């Protein structure tokens, strides 16, 4: 198995954020609802979605739970 690079990680974060945007649209939910659910405010969520702040593992799982998904369902 090869070493992971920073680029690989950045790509996965970008895909995760894109997936979130798609799920928000598909499920007709908004960023304010998601921010509240994961325990931050709109600006905190925006920082994460724009890759200015990193997601914590707890937030990652809370996002999945918000959308009714599990890690096995991950599409990114």
PDB file of N, CA and C in Angstrom:
ATOM      1  N   UNK A   1       0.850  -1.183   0.000  1.00  0.00           N
ATOM      2  CA  UNK A   1       0.000   0.000   0.000  1.00  0.00           C
ATOM      3  C   UNK A   1       0.887   1.234   0.000  1.00  0.00           C
ATOM      4  N   UNK A   2       0.601   2.197  -0.871  1.00  0.00           N
ATOM      5  CA  UNK A   2       1.411   3.399  -0.997  1.00  0.00           C
ATOM      6  C   UNK A   2       1.164   4.390   0.132  1.00  0.00           C
ATOM      7  N   UNK A   3       2.060   5.330   0.232  1.00  0.00           N
ATOM      8  CA  UNK A   3       1.919   6.380   1.238  1.00  0.00           C
ATOM      9  C   UNK A   3       0.869   7.383   0.788  1.00  0.00           C
ATOM     10  N   UNK A   4       0.155   7.893   1.754  1.00  0.00           N
ATOM     11  CA  UNK A   4      -0.821   8.940   1.450  1.00  0.00           C
ATOM     12  C   UNK A   4      -0.105  10.270   1.399  1.00  0.00           C
ATOM     13  N   UNK A   5      -0.545  11.106   0.520  1.00  0.00           N
ATOM     14  CA  UNK A   5       0.069  12.422   0.402  1.00  0.00           C
ATOM     15  C   UNK A   5      -0.921  13.486   0.852  1.00  0.00           C
ATOM     16  N   UNK A   6      -0.395  14.686   1.057  1.00  0.00           N
ATOM     17  CA  UNK A   6      -1.251  15.809   1.417  1.00  0.00           C
ATOM     18  C   UNK A   6      -2.285  16.039   0.319  1.00  0.00           C
ATOM     19  N   UNK A   7      -1.875  15.862  -0.926  1.00  0.00           N
ATOM     20  CA  UNK A   7      -2.800  16.038  -2.049  1.00  0.00           C
ATOM     21  C   UNK A   7      -3.945  15.036  -1.974  1.00  0.00           C
ATOM     22  N   UNK A   8      -3.648  13.787  -1.628  1.00  0.00           N
ATOM     23  CA  UNK A   8      -4.702  12.784  -1.484  1.00  0.00           C
ATOM     24  C   UNK A   8      -5.710  13.213  -0.424  1.00  0.00           C
ATOM     25  N   UNK A   9      -5.209  13.689   0.694  1.00  0.00           N
ATOM     26  CA  UNK A   9      -6.073  14.126   1.786  1.00  0.00           C
ATOM     27  C   UNK A   9      -6.912  15.325   1.361  1.00  0.00           C
ATOM     28  N   UNK A  10      -6.294  16.284   0.712  1.00  0.00           N
ATOM     29  CA  UNK A  10      -7.018  17.469   0.248  1.00  0.00           C
ATOM     30  C   UNK A  10      -8.120  17.085  -0.735  1.00  0.00           C
ATOM     31  N   UNK A  11      -7.834  16.139  -1.596  1.00  0.00           N
ATOM     32  CA  UNK A  11      -8.828  15.672  -2.563  1.00  0.00           C
ATOM     33  C   UNK A  11     -10.003  15.027  -1.851  1.00  0.00           C
ATOM     34  N   UNK A  12      -9.724  14.229  -0.834  1.00  0.00           N
ATOM     35  CA  UNK A  12     -10.802  13.571  -0.087  1.00  0.00           C
ATOM     36  C   UNK A  12     -11.646  14.586   0.664  1.00  0.00           C
ATOM     37  N   UNK A  13     -11.013  15.593   1.236  1.00  0.00           N
ATOM     38  CA  UNK A  13     -11.765  16.643   1.937  1.00  0.00           C
ATOM     39  C   UNK A  13     -12.649  17.385   0.944  1.00  0.00           C
ATOM     40  N   UNK A  14     -12.115  17.690  -0.228  1.00  0.00           N
ATOM     41  CA  UNK A  14     -12.893  18.376  -1.266  1.00  0.00           C
ATOM     42  C   UNK A  14     -14.092  17.528  -1.686  1.00  0.00           C
ATOM     43  N   UNK A  15     -13.864  16.242  -1.869  1.00  0.00           N
ATOM     44  CA  UNK A  15     -14.974  15.346  -2.244  1.00  0.00           C
ATOM     45  C   UNK A  15     -16.026  15.275  -1.148  1.00  0.00           C
ATOM     46  N   UNK A  16     -15.576  15.225   0.108  1.00  0.00           N
ATOM     47  CA  UNK A  16     -16.501  15.200   1.243  1.00  0.00           C
ATOM     48  C   UNK A  16     -17.354  16.469   1.239  1.00  0.00           C
ATOM     49  N   UNK A  17     -16.726  17.620   1.068  1.00  0.00           N
ATOM     50  CA  UNK A  17     -17.464  18.881   1.040  1.00  0.00           C
ATOM     51  C   UNK A  17     -18.434  18.937  -0.141  1.00  0.00           C
ATOM     52  N   UNK A  18     -18.016  18.447  -1.290  1.00  0.00           N
ATOM     53  CA  UNK A  18     -18.915  18.393  -2.448  1.00  0.00           C
ATOM     54  C   UNK A  18     -20.089  17.461  -2.188  1.00  0.00           C
ATOM     55  N   UNK A  19     -19.801  16.343  -1.527  1.00  0.00           N
ATOM     56  CA  UNK A  19     -20.858  15.389  -1.178  1.00  0.00           C
ATOM     57  C   UNK A  19     -21.872  16.053  -0.248  1.00  0.00           C
ATOM     58  N   UNK A  20     -21.380  16.806   0.727  1.00  0.00           N
ATOM     59  CA  UNK A  20     -22.275  17.508   1.653  1.00  0.00           C
ATOM     60  C   UNK A  20     -23.176  18.462   0.879  1.00  0.00           C
ATOM     61  N   UNK A  21     -22.596  19.233  -0.014  1.00  0.00           N
ATOM     62  CA  UNK A  21     -23.408  20.177  -0.805  1.00  0.00           C
ATOM     63  C   UNK A  21     -24.492  19.438  -1.591  1.00  0.00           C
ATOM     64  N   UNK A  22     -24.131  18.315  -2.168  1.00  0.00           N
ATOM     65  CA  UNK A  22     -25.105  17.518  -2.921  1.00  0.00           C
ATOM     66  C   UNK A  22     -26.201  16.960  -2.035  1.00  0.00           C
ATOM     67  N   UNK A  23     -25.825  16.456  -0.872  1.00  0.00           N
ATOM     68  CA  UNK A  23     -26.825  15.911   0.056  1.00  0.00           C
ATOM     69  C   UNK A  23     -27.753  17.000   0.567  1.00  0.00           C
ATOM     70  N   UNK A  24     -27.220  18.181   0.841  1.00  0.00           N
ATOM     71  CA  UNK A  24     -28.075  19.286   1.274  1.00  0.00           C
ATOM     72  C   UNK A  24     -29.141  19.558   0.226  1.00  0.00           C
ATOM     73  N   UNK A  25     -28.744  19.572  -1.038  1.00  0.00           N
ATOM     74  CA  UNK A  25     -29.713  19.796  -2.120  1.00  0.00           C
ATOM     75  C   UNK A  25     -30.699  18.639  -2.224  1.00  0.00           C
ATOM     76  N   UNK A  26     -30.171  17.409  -2.266  1.00  0.00           N
ATOM     77  CA  UNK A  26     -31.036  16.231  -2.436  1.00  0.00           C
ATOM     78  C   UNK A  26     -32.057  16.098  -1.315  1.00  0.00           C
ATOM     79  N   UNK A  27     -31.618  16.392  -0.103  1.00  0.00           N
ATOM     80  CA  UNK A  27     -32.509  16.217   1.042  1.00  0.00           C
ATOM     81  C   UNK A  27     -33.244  17.503   1.423  1.00  0.00           C
ATOM     82  N   UNK A  28     -33.053  18.544   0.599  1.00  0.00           N
ATOM     83  CA  UNK A  28     -33.732  19.835   0.822  1.00  0.00           C
ATOM     84  C   UNK A  28     -33.517  20.348   2.250  1.00  0.00           C
ATOM     85  N   UNK A  29     -32.255  20.308   2.655  1.00  0.00           N
ATOM     86  CA  UNK A  29     -31.859  20.839   3.955  1.00  0.00           C
ATOM     87  C   UNK A  29     -30.918  21.998   3.701  1.00  0.00           C
ATOM     88  N   UNK A  30     -30.642  22.779   4.750  1.00  0.00           N
ATOM     89  CA  UNK A  30     -29.749  23.914   4.543  1.00  0.00           C
ATOM     90  C   UNK A  30     -28.557  23.871   5.488  1.00  0.00           C
ATOM     91  N   UNK A  31     -27.583  24.727   5.195  1.00  0.00           N
ATOM     92  CA  UNK A  31     -26.348  24.735   5.960  1.00  0.00           C
ATOM     93  C   UNK A  31     -26.574  25.136   7.416  1.00  0.00           C
ATOM     94  N   UNK A  32     -27.548  25.985   7.673  1.00  0.00           N
ATOM     95  CA  UNK A  32     -27.830  26.400   9.045  1.00  0.00           C
ATOM     96  C   UNK A  32     -28.265  25.203   9.883  1.00  0.00           C
ATOM     97  N   UNK A  33     -29.127  24.352   9.318  1.00  0.00           N
ATOM     98  CA  UNK A  33     -29.564  23.141  10.028  1.00  0.00           C
ATOM     99  C   UNK A  33     -28.381  22.223  10.315  1.00  0.00           C
ATOM    100  N   UNK A  34     -27.537  22.038   9.310  1.00  0.00           N
ATOM    101  CA  UNK A  34     -26.369  21.176   9.476  1.00  0.00           C
ATOM    102  C   UNK A  34     -25.427  21.750  10.521  1.00  0.00           C
ATOM    103  N   UNK A  35     -25.163  23.043  10.461  1.00  0.00           N
ATOM    104  CA  UNK A  35     -24.260  23.689  11.425  1.00  0.00           C
ATOM    105  C   UNK A  35     -24.762  23.467  12.846  1.00  0.00           C
ATOM    106  N   UNK A  36     -26.039  23.694  13.070  1.00  0.00           N
ATOM    107  CA  UNK A  36     -26.625  23.498  14.400  1.00  0.00           C
ATOM    108  C   UNK A  36     -26.462  22.051  14.844  1.00  0.00           C
ATOM    109  N   UNK A  37     -26.717  21.124  13.945  1.00  0.00           N
ATOM    110  CA  UNK A  37     -26.652  19.696  14.280  1.00  0.00           C
ATOM    111  C   UNK A  37     -25.250  19.270  14.697  1.00  0.00           C
ATOM    112  N   UNK A  38     -24.233  19.799  14.031  1.00  0.00           N
ATOM    113  CA  UNK A  38     -22.873  19.374  14.361  1.00  0.00           C
ATOM    114  C   UNK A  38     -22.243  20.229  15.463  1.00  0.00           C
ATOM    115  N   UNK A  39     -22.983  21.224  15.948  1.00  0.00           N
ATOM    116  CA  UNK A  39     -22.511  21.994  17.096  1.00  0.00           C
ATOM    117  C   UNK A  39     -21.644  23.197  16.756  1.00  0.00           C
ATOM    118  N   UNK A  40     -21.902  23.810  15.623  1.00  0.00           N
ATOM    119  CA  UNK A  40     -21.185  25.027  15.256  1.00  0.00           C
ATOM    120  C   UNK A  40     -22.190  26.023  14.717  1.00  0.00           C
ATOM    121  N   UNK A  41     -21.706  27.157  14.265  1.00  0.00           N
ATOM    122  CA  UNK A  41     -22.609  28.132  13.649  1.00  0.00           C
ATOM    123  C   UNK A  41     -22.356  28.166  12.141  1.00  0.00           C
ATOM    124  N   UNK A  42     -23.120  28.985  11.446  1.00  0.00           N
ATOM    125  CA  UNK A  42     -23.022  29.049   9.990  1.00  0.00           C
ATOM    126  C   UNK A  42     -21.608  29.404   9.543  1.00  0.00           C
ATOM    127  N   UNK A  43     -20.964  30.341  10.228  1.00  0.00           N
ATOM    128  CA  UNK A  43     -19.618  30.738   9.805  1.00  0.00           C
ATOM    129  C   UNK A  43     -18.613  29.609  10.036  1.00  0.00           C
ATOM    130  N   UNK A  44     -18.774  28.855  11.121  1.00  0.00           N
ATOM    131  CA  UNK A  44     -17.895  27.715  11.376  1.00  0.00           C
ATOM    132  C   UNK A  44     -18.049  26.637  10.318  1.00  0.00           C
ATOM    133  N   UNK A  45     -19.274  26.380   9.913  1.00  0.00           N
ATOM    134  CA  UNK A  45     -19.516  25.399   8.858  1.00  0.00           C
ATOM    135  C   UNK A  45     -18.928  25.897   7.543  1.00  0.00           C
ATOM    136  N   UNK A  46     -19.111  27.166   7.260  1.00  0.00           N
ATOM    137  CA  UNK A  46     -18.575  27.740   6.033  1.00  0.00           C
ATOM    138  C   UNK A  46     -17.047  27.599   5.977  1.00  0.00           C
ATOM    139  N   UNK A  47     -16.382  27.825   7.090  1.00  0.00           N
ATOM    140  CA  UNK A  47     -14.929  27.665   7.133  1.00  0.00           C
ATOM    141  C   UNK A  47     -14.525  26.230   6.798  1.00  0.00           C
ATOM    142  N   UNK A  48     -15.275  25.275   7.296  1.00  0.00           N
ATOM    143  CA  UNK A  48     -14.975  23.867   7.010  1.00  0.00           C
ATOM    144  C   UNK A  48     -15.266  23.525   5.548  1.00  0.00           C
ATOM    145  N   UNK A  49     -16.400  24.016   5.057  1.00  0.00           N
ATOM    146  CA  UNK A  49     -16.799  23.716   3.686  1.00  0.00           C
ATOM    147  C   UNK A  49     -15.854  24.355   2.663  1.00  0.00           C
ATOM    148  N   UNK A  50     -15.189  25.431   3.057  1.00  0.00           N
ATOM    149  CA  UNK A  50     -14.252  26.120   2.170  1.00  0.00           C
ATOM    150  C   UNK A  50     -12.800  25.790   2.505  1.00  0.00           C
ATOM    151  N   UNK A  51     -12.618  24.724   3.269  1.00  0.00           N
ATOM    152  CA  UNK A  51     -11.295  24.178   3.594  1.00  0.00           C
ATOM    153  C   UNK A  51     -10.377  25.156   4.313  1.00  0.00           C
ATOM    154  N   UNK A  52     -10.968  26.048   5.102  1.00  0.00           N
ATOM    155  CA  UNK A  52     -10.191  26.990   5.917  1.00  0.00           C
ATOM    156  C   UNK A  52     -10.019  26.462   7.339  1.00  0.00           C
ATOM    157  N   UNK A  53     -10.810  25.468   7.687  1.00  0.00           N
ATOM    158  CA  UNK A  53     -10.726  24.809   8.992  1.00  0.00           C
ATOM    159  C   UNK A  53     -10.968  23.328   8.749  1.00  0.00           C
ATOM    160  N   UNK A  54     -10.312  22.495   9.539  1.00  0.00           N
ATOM    161  CA  UNK A  54     -10.444  21.054   9.330  1.00  0.00           C
ATOM    162  C   UNK A  54     -11.646  20.495  10.090  1.00  0.00           C
ATOM    163  N   UNK A  55     -12.187  19.417   9.546  1.00  0.00           N
ATOM    164  CA  UNK A  55     -13.265  18.690  10.203  1.00  0.00           C
ATOM    165  C   UNK A  55     -12.682  17.841  11.326  1.00  0.00           C
ATOM    166  N   UNK A  56     -13.368  17.776  12.451  1.00  0.00           N
ATOM    167  CA  UNK A  56     -12.971  16.829  13.483  1.00  0.00           C
ATOM    168  C   UNK A  56     -13.642  15.496  13.168  1.00  0.00           C
ATOM    169  N   UNK A  57     -13.138  14.444  13.756  1.00  0.00           N
ATOM    170  CA  UNK A  57     -13.730  13.130  13.545  1.00  0.00           C
ATOM    171  C   UNK A  57     -15.174  13.115  14.044  1.00  0.00           C
ATOM    172  N   UNK A  58     -15.422  13.750  15.173  1.00  0.00           N
ATOM    173  CA  UNK A  58     -16.786  13.826  15.713  1.00  0.00           C
ATOM    174  C   UNK A  58     -17.711  14.544  14.732  1.00  0.00           C
ATOM    175  N   UNK A  59     -17.242  15.655  14.163  1.00  0.00           N
ATOM    176  CA  UNK A  59     -18.066  16.390  13.193  1.00  0.00           C
ATOM    177  C   UNK A  59     -18.343  15.542  11.957  1.00  0.00           C
ATOM    178  N   UNK A  60     -17.330  14.827  11.506  1.00  0.00           N
ATOM    179  CA  UNK A  60     -17.485  13.937  10.350  1.00  0.00           C
ATOM    180  C   UNK A  60     -18.633  12.962  10.586  1.00  0.00           C
ATOM    181  N   UNK A  61     -18.616  12.293  11.734  1.00  0.00           N
ATOM    182  CA  UNK A  61     -19.675  11.322  12.022  1.00  0.00           C
ATOM    183  C   UNK A  61     -21.016  12.004  12.262  1.00  0.00           C
ATOM    184  N   UNK A  62     -21.011  13.202  12.823  1.00  0.00           N
ATOM    185  CA  UNK A  62     -22.262  13.940  13.000  1.00  0.00           C
ATOM    186  C   UNK A  62     -22.871  14.336  11.658  1.00  0.00           C
ATOM    187  N   UNK A  63     -22.016  14.688  10.691  1.00  0.00           N
ATOM    188  CA  UNK A  63     -22.506  15.011   9.346  1.00  0.00           C
ATOM    189  C   UNK A  63     -23.181  13.783   8.737  1.00  0.00           C
ATOM    190  N   UNK A  64     -22.515  12.639   8.839  1.00  0.00           N
ATOM    191  CA  UNK A  64     -23.105  11.407   8.310  1.00  0.00           C
ATOM    192  C   UNK A  64     -24.449  11.117   8.976  1.00  0.00           C
ATOM    193  N   UNK A  65     -24.491  11.252  10.297  1.00  0.00           N
ATOM    194  CA  UNK A  65     -25.725  11.009  11.037  1.00  0.00           C
ATOM    195  C   UNK A  65     -26.824  11.984  10.618  1.00  0.00           C
ATOM    196  N   UNK A  66     -26.476  13.242  10.424  1.00  0.00           N
ATOM    197  CA  UNK A  66     -27.440  14.258   9.988  1.00  0.00           C
ATOM    198  C   UNK A  66     -28.139  13.848   8.703  1.00  0.00           C
ATOM    199  N   UNK A  67     -27.364  13.245   7.798  1.00  0.00           N
ATOM    200  CA  UNK A  67     -27.924  12.823   6.516  1.00  0.00           C
ATOM    201  C   UNK A  67     -28.448  11.392   6.539  1.00  0.00           C
ATOM    202  N   UNK A  68     -28.391  10.735   7.692  1.00  0.00           N
ATOM    203  CA  UNK A  68     -28.901   9.369   7.783  1.00  0.00           C
ATOM    204  C   UNK A  68     -28.006   8.364   7.084  1.00  0.00           C
ATOM    205  N   UNK A  69     -26.706   8.616   7.071  1.00  0.00           N
ATOM    206  CA  UNK A  69     -25.758   7.752   6.383  1.00  0.00           C
ATOM    207  C   UNK A  69     -24.775   7.147   7.386  1.00  0.00           C
ATOM    208  N   UNK A  70     -24.090   6.113   6.959  1.00  0.00           N
ATOM    209  CA  UNK A  70     -23.021   5.529   7.752  1.00  0.00           C
ATOM    210  C   UNK A  70     -21.723   5.672   6.974  1.00  0.00           C
ATOM    211  N   UNK A  71     -20.613   5.399   7.617  1.00  0.00           N
ATOM    212  CA  UNK A  71     -19.315   5.490   6.930  1.00  0.00           C
ATOM    213  C   UNK A  71     -19.274   4.550   5.740  1.00  0.00           C
ATOM    214  N   UNK A  72     -19.963   3.432   5.820  1.00  0.00           N
ATOM    215  CA  UNK A  72     -19.993   2.470   4.705  1.00  0.00           C
ATOM    216  C   UNK A  72     -20.737   3.027   3.496  1.00  0.00           C
ATOM    217  N   UNK A  73     -21.639   4.001   3.739  1.00  0.00           N
ATOM    218  CA  UNK A  73     -22.410   4.616   2.662  1.00  0.00           C
ATOM    219  C   UNK A  73     -21.633   5.707   1.937  1.00  0.00           C
ATOM    220  N   UNK A  74     -20.456   6.048   2.451  1.00  0.00           N
ATOM    221  CA  UNK A  74     -19.695   7.182   1.925  1.00  0.00           C
ATOM    222  C   UNK A  74     -19.520   7.056   0.415  1.00  0.00           C
ATOM    223  N   UNK A  75     -19.826   8.134  -0.289  1.00  0.00           N
ATOM    224  CA  UNK A  75     -19.804   8.134  -1.745  1.00  0.00           C
ATOM    225  C   UNK A  75     -18.659   8.963  -2.298  1.00  0.00           C
ATOM    226  N   UNK A  76     -17.726   9.317  -1.497  1.00  0.00           N
ATOM    227  CA  UNK A  76     -16.640  10.152  -1.975  1.00  0.00           C
ATOM    228  C   UNK A  76     -15.384   9.366  -1.938  1.00  0.00           C
TER     229      UNK A  76
END
